[in-house]
C-alpha cells in the first residue's frame, strides 16, 4: 500500500476527490465538472511538447492514449 505524500493529501483536501480518482478521470470529464461547478468556461493552456488538447507535436499528431499516459506520469 502506498503512503500518501503531504502534497497528495493537500490536493485531495482542496479538490474534494482522491488523487487516484483524479488520475483516472479523463481531462474532458474533469473540465466539464469544473465548468459546471464554477459556471464559467475553463481554458487549458500548455506549452511544448503538447499544444492544447489537439496534441500537435512538431510534425506529428499525438494520439489521445499517449497524452493520457503522459498526463498520468506527470501528475504522479
PDB file of N, CA and C in Angstrom:
ATOM      1  N   UNK A   1       0.844  -1.192   0.000  1.00  0.00           N
ATOM      2  CA  UNK A   1       0.000   0.000   0.000  1.00  0.00           C
ATOM      3  C   UNK A   1       0.881   1.244   0.000  1.00  0.00           C
ATOM      4  N   UNK A   2       0.514   2.197  -0.828  1.00  0.00           N
ATOM      5  CA  UNK A   2       1.285   3.435  -0.936  1.00  0.00           C
ATOM      6  C   UNK A   2       0.938   4.400   0.193  1.00  0.00           C
ATOM      7  N   UNK A   3       1.934   5.116   0.639  1.00  0.00           N
ATOM      8  CA  UNK A   3       1.710   6.162   1.624  1.00  0.00           C
ATOM      9  C   UNK A   3       1.526   7.467   0.871  1.00  0.00           C
ATOM     10  N   UNK A   4       0.490   8.194   1.206  1.00  0.00           N
ATOM     11  CA  UNK A   4       0.235   9.460   0.532  1.00  0.00           C
ATOM     12  C   UNK A   4       1.196  10.521   1.035  1.00  0.00           C
ATOM     13  N   UNK A   5       1.642  11.344   0.107  1.00  0.00           N
ATOM     14  CA  UNK A   5       2.525  12.449   0.464  1.00  0.00           C
ATOM     15  C   UNK A   5       1.689  13.614   0.981  1.00  0.00           C
ATOM     16  N   UNK A   6       2.362  14.556   1.599  1.00  0.00           N
ATOM     17  CA  UNK A   6       1.665  15.763   2.068  1.00  0.00           C
ATOM     18  C   UNK A   6       1.003  16.482   0.897  1.00  0.00           C
ATOM     19  N   UNK A   7       1.699  16.472  -0.241  1.00  0.00           N
ATOM     20  CA  UNK A   7       1.161  17.131  -1.431  1.00  0.00           C
ATOM     21  C   UNK A   7      -0.140  16.458  -1.870  1.00  0.00           C
ATOM     22  N   UNK A   8      -0.146  15.119  -1.936  1.00  0.00           N
ATOM     23  CA  UNK A   8      -1.348  14.396  -2.346  1.00  0.00           C
ATOM     24  C   UNK A   8      -2.508  14.653  -1.384  1.00  0.00           C
ATOM     25  N   UNK A   9      -2.213  14.667  -0.111  1.00  0.00           N
ATOM     26  CA  UNK A   9      -3.266  14.933   0.877  1.00  0.00           C
ATOM     27  C   UNK A   9      -3.801  16.353   0.731  1.00  0.00           C
ATOM     28  N   UNK A  10      -2.914  17.305   0.441  1.00  0.00           N
ATOM     29  CA  UNK A  10      -3.345  18.690   0.247  1.00  0.00           C
ATOM     30  C   UNK A  10      -4.232  18.808  -0.994  1.00  0.00           C
ATOM     31  N   UNK A  11      -3.848  18.102  -2.061  1.00  0.00           N
ATOM     32  CA  UNK A  11      -4.652  18.123  -3.290  1.00  0.00           C
ATOM     33  C   UNK A  11      -6.034  17.539  -3.017  1.00  0.00           C
ATOM     34  N   UNK A  12      -6.080  16.383  -2.347  1.00  0.00           N
ATOM     35  CA  UNK A  12      -7.366  15.756  -2.034  1.00  0.00           C
ATOM     36  C   UNK A  12      -8.249  16.683  -1.200  1.00  0.00           C
ATOM     37  N   UNK A  13      -7.653  17.356  -0.236  1.00  0.00           N
ATOM     38  CA  UNK A  13      -8.414  18.265   0.620  1.00  0.00           C
ATOM     39  C   UNK A  13      -8.972  19.436  -0.189  1.00  0.00           C
ATOM     40  N   UNK A  14      -8.160  19.997  -1.064  1.00  0.00           N
ATOM     41  CA  UNK A  14      -8.576  21.156  -1.856  1.00  0.00           C
ATOM     42  C   UNK A  14      -9.614  20.783  -2.909  1.00  0.00           C
ATOM     43  N   UNK A  15      -9.395  19.670  -3.591  1.00  0.00           N
ATOM     44  CA  UNK A  15     -10.266  19.271  -4.704  1.00  0.00           C
ATOM     45  C   UNK A  15     -11.509  18.540  -4.223  1.00  0.00           C
ATOM     46  N   UNK A  16     -11.387  17.818  -3.122  1.00  0.00           N
ATOM     47  CA  UNK A  16     -12.520  17.064  -2.612  1.00  0.00           C
ATOM     48  C   UNK A  16     -12.668  15.689  -3.237  1.00  0.00           C
ATOM     49  N   UNK A  17     -11.624  15.228  -3.910  1.00  0.00           N
ATOM     50  CA  UNK A  17     -11.614  13.901  -4.520  1.00  0.00           C
ATOM     51  C   UNK A  17     -10.265  13.254  -4.255  1.00  0.00           C
ATOM     52  N   UNK A  18     -10.243  11.920  -4.317  1.00  0.00           N
ATOM     53  CA  UNK A  18      -8.977  11.229  -4.091  1.00  0.00           C
ATOM     54  C   UNK A  18      -8.041  11.438  -5.272  1.00  0.00           C
ATOM     55  N   UNK A  19      -6.755  11.347  -5.006  1.00  0.00           N
ATOM     56  CA  UNK A  19      -5.751  11.500  -6.055  1.00  0.00           C
ATOM     57  C   UNK A  19      -5.951  10.425  -7.113  1.00  0.00           C
ATOM     58  N   UNK A  20      -6.281   9.210  -6.689  1.00  0.00           N
ATOM     59  CA  UNK A  20      -6.498   8.122  -7.644  1.00  0.00           C
ATOM     60  C   UNK A  20      -7.679   8.425  -8.569  1.00  0.00           C
ATOM     61  N   UNK A  21      -8.756   8.978  -8.032  1.00  0.00           N
ATOM     62  CA  UNK A  21      -9.905   9.353  -8.867  1.00  0.00           C
ATOM     63  C   UNK A  21      -9.511  10.434  -9.866  1.00  0.00           C
ATOM     64  N   UNK A  22      -8.699  11.373  -9.429  1.00  0.00           N
ATOM     65  CA  UNK A  22      -8.218  12.439 -10.314  1.00  0.00           C
ATOM     66  C   UNK A  22      -7.367  11.841 -11.424  1.00  0.00           C
ATOM     67  N   UNK A  23      -6.503  10.902 -11.076  1.00  0.00           N
ATOM     68  CA  UNK A  23      -5.637  10.268 -12.075  1.00  0.00           C
ATOM     69  C   UNK A  23      -6.432   9.491 -13.112  1.00  0.00           C
ATOM     70  N   UNK A  24      -7.505   8.862 -12.707  1.00  0.00           N
ATOM     71  CA  UNK A  24      -8.285   8.009 -13.604  1.00  0.00           C
ATOM     72  C   UNK A  24      -9.259   8.780 -14.490  1.00  0.00           C
ATOM     73  N   UNK A  25      -9.630   9.990 -14.089  1.00  0.00           N
ATOM     74  CA  UNK A  25     -10.628  10.746 -14.832  1.00  0.00           C
ATOM     75  C   UNK A  25     -10.005  11.421 -16.062  1.00  0.00           C
ATOM     76  N   UNK A  26     -10.613  11.229 -17.240  1.00  0.00           N
ATOM     77  CA  UNK A  26     -10.117  11.913 -18.438  1.00  0.00           C
ATOM     78  C   UNK A  26     -10.202  13.432 -18.280  1.00  0.00           C
ATOM     79  N   UNK A  27      -9.334  14.139 -18.949  1.00  0.00           N
ATOM     80  CA  UNK A  27      -9.279  15.600 -18.835  1.00  0.00           C
ATOM     81  C   UNK A  27     -10.614  16.233 -19.220  1.00  0.00           C
ATOM     82  N   UNK A  28     -11.269  15.728 -20.262  1.00  0.00           N
ATOM     83  CA  UNK A  28     -12.521  16.361 -20.687  1.00  0.00           C
ATOM     84  C   UNK A  28     -13.608  16.237 -19.620  1.00  0.00           C
ATOM     85  N   UNK A  29     -13.640  15.121 -18.893  1.00  0.00           N
ATOM     86  CA  UNK A  29     -14.614  14.974 -17.810  1.00  0.00           C
ATOM     87  C   UNK A  29     -14.277  15.912 -16.658  1.00  0.00           C
ATOM     88  N   UNK A  30     -13.015  16.042 -16.308  1.00  0.00           N
ATOM     89  CA  UNK A  30     -12.578  16.961 -15.245  1.00  0.00           C
ATOM     90  C   UNK A  30     -12.969  18.385 -15.632  1.00  0.00           C
ATOM     91  N   UNK A  31     -12.739  18.749 -16.900  1.00  0.00           N
ATOM     92  CA  UNK A  31     -13.085  20.092 -17.378  1.00  0.00           C
ATOM     93  C   UNK A  31     -14.581  20.334 -17.229  1.00  0.00           C
ATOM     94  N   UNK A  32     -15.411  19.372 -17.647  1.00  0.00           N
ATOM     95  CA  UNK A  32     -16.868  19.543 -17.538  1.00  0.00           C
ATOM     96  C   UNK A  32     -17.298  19.755 -16.095  1.00  0.00           C
ATOM     97  N   UNK A  33     -16.737  18.985 -15.180  1.00  0.00           N
ATOM     98  CA  UNK A  33     -17.100  19.124 -13.758  1.00  0.00           C
ATOM     99  C   UNK A  33     -16.710  20.498 -13.213  1.00  0.00           C
ATOM    100  N   UNK A  34     -15.522  20.958 -13.570  1.00  0.00           N
ATOM    101  CA  UNK A  34     -15.057  22.268 -13.092  1.00  0.00           C
ATOM    102  C   UNK A  34     -15.915  23.382 -13.677  1.00  0.00           C
ATOM    103  N   UNK A  35     -16.221  23.284 -14.988  1.00  0.00           N
ATOM    104  CA  UNK A  35     -17.069  24.316 -15.609  1.00  0.00           C
ATOM    105  C   UNK A  35     -18.454  24.356 -14.966  1.00  0.00           C
ATOM    106  N   UNK A  36     -19.026  23.203 -14.684  1.00  0.00           N
ATOM    107  CA  UNK A  36     -20.343  23.171 -14.036  1.00  0.00           C
ATOM    108  C   UNK A  36     -20.278  23.736 -12.621  1.00  0.00           C
ATOM    109  N   UNK A  37     -19.195  23.453 -11.918  1.00  0.00           N
ATOM    110  CA  UNK A  37     -19.056  23.924 -10.539  1.00  0.00           C
ATOM    111  C   UNK A  37     -18.914  25.447 -10.471  1.00  0.00           C
ATOM    112  N   UNK A  38     -18.103  26.022 -11.368  1.00  0.00           N
ATOM    113  CA  UNK A  38     -17.812  27.458 -11.302  1.00  0.00           C
ATOM    114  C   UNK A  38     -18.580  28.292 -12.327  1.00  0.00           C
ATOM    115  N   UNK A  39     -19.379  27.649 -13.186  1.00  0.00           N
ATOM    116  CA  UNK A  39     -20.220  28.334 -14.167  1.00  0.00           C
ATOM    117  C   UNK A  39     -19.433  29.264 -15.081  1.00  0.00           C
ATOM    118  N   UNK A  40     -18.269  28.802 -15.501  1.00  0.00           N
ATOM    119  CA  UNK A  40     -17.509  29.550 -16.499  1.00  0.00           C
ATOM    120  C   UNK A  40     -16.654  28.580 -17.296  1.00  0.00           C
ATOM    121  N   UNK A  41     -16.297  28.997 -18.506  1.00  0.00           N
ATOM    122  CA  UNK A  41     -15.524  28.148 -19.402  1.00  0.00           C
ATOM    123  C   UNK A  41     -14.083  28.045 -18.913  1.00  0.00           C
ATOM    124  N   UNK A  42     -13.586  26.830 -18.876  1.00  0.00           N
ATOM    125  CA  UNK A  42     -12.208  26.596 -18.449  1.00  0.00           C
ATOM    126  C   UNK A  42     -11.306  26.548 -19.676  1.00  0.00           C
ATOM    127  N   UNK A  43     -10.186  27.205 -19.579  1.00  0.00           N
ATOM    128  CA  UNK A  43      -9.208  27.186 -20.667  1.00  0.00           C
ATOM    129  C   UNK A  43      -7.987  26.423 -20.192  1.00  0.00           C
ATOM    130  N   UNK A  44      -7.592  25.422 -20.967  1.00  0.00           N
ATOM    131  CA  UNK A  44      -6.393  24.655 -20.648  1.00  0.00           C
ATOM    132  C   UNK A  44      -5.285  25.174 -21.533  1.00  0.00           C
ATOM    133  N   UNK A  45      -4.260  25.691 -20.908  1.00  0.00           N
ATOM    134  CA  UNK A  45      -3.133  26.248 -21.644  1.00  0.00           C
ATOM    135  C   UNK A  45      -1.904  25.425 -21.304  1.00  0.00           C
ATOM    136  N   UNK A  46      -1.204  25.010 -22.322  1.00  0.00           N
ATOM    137  CA  UNK A  46       0.014  24.241 -22.097  1.00  0.00           C
ATOM    138  C   UNK A  46       1.068  24.667 -23.097  1.00  0.00           C
ATOM    139  N   UNK A  47       2.270  24.282 -22.826  1.00  0.00           N
ATOM    140  CA  UNK A  47       3.390  24.638 -23.658  1.00  0.00           C
ATOM    141  C   UNK A  47       4.035  23.376 -24.207  1.00  0.00           C
ATOM    142  N   UNK A  48       4.934  23.553 -25.158  1.00  0.00           N
ATOM    143  CA  UNK A  48       5.615  22.425 -25.778  1.00  0.00           C
ATOM    144  C   UNK A  48       5.994  21.399 -24.722  1.00  0.00           C
ATOM    145  N   UNK A  49       5.810  20.117 -24.943  1.00  0.00           N
ATOM    146  CA  UNK A  49       5.538  19.460 -26.212  1.00  0.00           C
ATOM    147  C   UNK A  49       4.073  19.347 -26.580  1.00  0.00           C
ATOM    148  N   UNK A  50       3.134  19.599 -25.668  1.00  0.00           N
ATOM    149  CA  UNK A  50       1.723  19.492 -26.009  1.00  0.00           C
ATOM    150  C   UNK A  50       1.147  20.885 -26.216  1.00  0.00           C
ATOM    151  N   UNK A  51       0.389  21.043 -27.266  1.00  0.00           N
ATOM    152  CA  UNK A  51      -0.242  22.326 -27.553  1.00  0.00           C
ATOM    153  C   UNK A  51      -1.750  22.092 -27.487  1.00  0.00           C
ATOM    154  N   UNK A  52      -2.363  22.494 -26.383  1.00  0.00           N
ATOM    155  CA  UNK A  52      -3.793  22.281 -26.217  1.00  0.00           C
ATOM    156  C   UNK A  52      -4.135  20.809 -26.208  1.00  0.00           C
ATOM    157  N   UNK A  53      -5.375  20.491 -26.464  1.00  0.00           N
ATOM    158  CA  UNK A  53      -5.797  19.094 -26.460  1.00  0.00           C
ATOM    159  C   UNK A  53      -5.745  18.508 -27.867  1.00  0.00           C
ATOM    160  N   UNK A  54      -5.384  19.328 -28.878  1.00  0.00           N
ATOM    161  CA  UNK A  54      -5.210  18.825 -30.230  1.00  0.00           C
ATOM    162  C   UNK A  54      -3.960  17.974 -30.337  1.00  0.00           C
ATOM    163  N   UNK A  55      -3.046  18.160 -29.399  1.00  0.00           N
ATOM    164  CA  UNK A  55      -1.874  17.322 -29.264  1.00  0.00           C
ATOM    165  C   UNK A  55      -0.964  17.315 -30.483  1.00  0.00           C
ATOM    166  N   UNK A  56      -0.658  18.483 -30.976  1.00  0.00           N
ATOM    167  CA  UNK A  56       0.253  18.582 -32.104  1.00  0.00           C
ATOM    168  C   UNK A  56       1.670  18.626 -31.559  1.00  0.00           C
ATOM    169  N   UNK A  57       2.490  17.722 -32.034  1.00  0.00           N
ATOM    170  CA  UNK A  57       3.862  17.631 -31.573  1.00  0.00           C
ATOM    171  C   UNK A  57       4.752  17.744 -32.799  1.00  0.00           C
ATOM    172  N   UNK A  58       5.293  18.904 -33.000  1.00  0.00           N
ATOM    173  CA  UNK A  58       6.095  19.217 -34.184  1.00  0.00           C
ATOM    174  C   UNK A  58       5.333  18.825 -35.439  1.00  0.00           C
ATOM    175  N   UNK A  59       5.798  17.814 -36.170  1.00  0.00           N
ATOM    176  CA  UNK A  59       5.156  17.480 -37.441  1.00  0.00           C
ATOM    177  C   UNK A  59       4.239  16.265 -37.342  1.00  0.00           C
ATOM    178  N   UNK A  60       3.877  15.870 -36.131  1.00  0.00           N
ATOM    179  CA  UNK A  60       3.021  14.690 -35.987  1.00  0.00           C
ATOM    180  C   UNK A  60       1.912  14.945 -34.970  1.00  0.00           C
ATOM    181  N   UNK A  61       0.835  14.186 -35.078  1.00  0.00           N
ATOM    182  CA  UNK A  61      -0.262  14.268 -34.127  1.00  0.00           C
ATOM    183  C   UNK A  61      -0.091  13.158 -33.105  1.00  0.00           C
ATOM    184  N   UNK A  62      -0.268  13.495 -31.836  1.00  0.00           N
ATOM    185  CA  UNK A  62      -0.107  12.528 -30.757  1.00  0.00           C
ATOM    186  C   UNK A  62      -1.479  11.956 -30.425  1.00  0.00           C
ATOM    187  N   UNK A  63      -1.615  10.625 -30.396  1.00  0.00           N
ATOM    188  CA  UNK A  63      -2.911  10.013 -30.078  1.00  0.00           C
ATOM    189  C   UNK A  63      -3.367  10.320 -28.648  1.00  0.00           C
ATOM    190  N   UNK A  64      -4.662  10.252 -28.435  1.00  0.00           N
ATOM    191  CA  UNK A  64      -5.272  10.504 -27.133  1.00  0.00           C
ATOM    192  C   UNK A  64      -4.637   9.642 -26.041  1.00  0.00           C
ATOM    193  N   UNK A  65      -4.411   8.364 -26.333  1.00  0.00           N
ATOM    194  CA  UNK A  65      -3.862   7.439 -25.346  1.00  0.00           C
ATOM    195  C   UNK A  65      -2.477   7.872 -24.875  1.00  0.00           C
ATOM    196  N   UNK A  66      -1.670   8.388 -25.782  1.00  0.00           N
ATOM    197  CA  UNK A  66      -0.326   8.841 -25.428  1.00  0.00           C
ATOM    198  C   UNK A  66      -0.401  10.054 -24.507  1.00  0.00           C
ATOM    199  N   UNK A  67      -1.303  10.975 -24.814  1.00  0.00           N
ATOM    200  CA  UNK A  67      -1.452  12.176 -23.987  1.00  0.00           C
ATOM    201  C   UNK A  67      -1.942  11.799 -22.597  1.00  0.00           C
ATOM    202  N   UNK A  68      -2.942  10.912 -22.521  1.00  0.00           N
ATOM    203  CA  UNK A  68      -3.439  10.478 -21.212  1.00  0.00           C
ATOM    204  C   UNK A  68      -2.321   9.811 -20.411  1.00  0.00           C
ATOM    205  N   UNK A  69      -1.517   8.990 -21.068  1.00  0.00           N
ATOM    206  CA  UNK A  69      -0.406   8.305 -20.403  1.00  0.00           C
ATOM    207  C   UNK A  69       0.610   9.313 -19.876  1.00  0.00           C
ATOM    208  N   UNK A  70       0.982  10.281 -20.700  1.00  0.00           N
ATOM    209  CA  UNK A  70       1.949  11.302 -20.278  1.00  0.00           C
ATOM    210  C   UNK A  70       1.393  12.156 -19.136  1.00  0.00           C
ATOM    211  N   UNK A  71       0.101  12.462 -19.215  1.00  0.00           N
ATOM    212  CA  UNK A  71      -0.521  13.241 -18.147  1.00  0.00           C
ATOM    213  C   UNK A  71      -0.490  12.478 -16.827  1.00  0.00           C
ATOM    214  N   UNK A  72      -0.824  11.199 -16.875  1.00  0.00           N
ATOM    215  CA  UNK A  72      -0.797  10.381 -15.664  1.00  0.00           C
ATOM    216  C   UNK A  72       0.605  10.341 -15.049  1.00  0.00           C
ATOM    217  N   UNK A  73       1.622  10.221 -15.911  1.00  0.00           N
ATOM    218  CA  UNK A  73       3.019  10.227 -15.427  1.00  0.00           C
ATOM    219  C   UNK A  73       3.326  11.573 -14.751  1.00  0.00           C
ATOM    220  N   UNK A  74       2.859  12.649 -15.357  1.00  0.00           N
ATOM    221  CA  UNK A  74       3.172  13.989 -14.851  1.00  0.00           C
ATOM    222  C   UNK A  74       2.513  14.269 -13.506  1.00  0.00           C
ATOM    223  N   UNK A  75       1.320  13.720 -13.266  1.00  0.00           N
ATOM    224  CA  UNK A  75       0.626  14.040 -12.019  1.00  0.00           C
ATOM    225  C   UNK A  75       0.877  13.015 -10.928  1.00  0.00           C
ATOM    226  N   UNK A  76       1.729  12.050 -11.177  1.00  0.00           N
ATOM    227  CA  UNK A  76       2.076  11.061 -10.129  1.00  0.00           C
ATOM    228  C   UNK A  76       3.013  11.634  -9.124  1.00  0.00           C
TER     229      UNK A  76
END
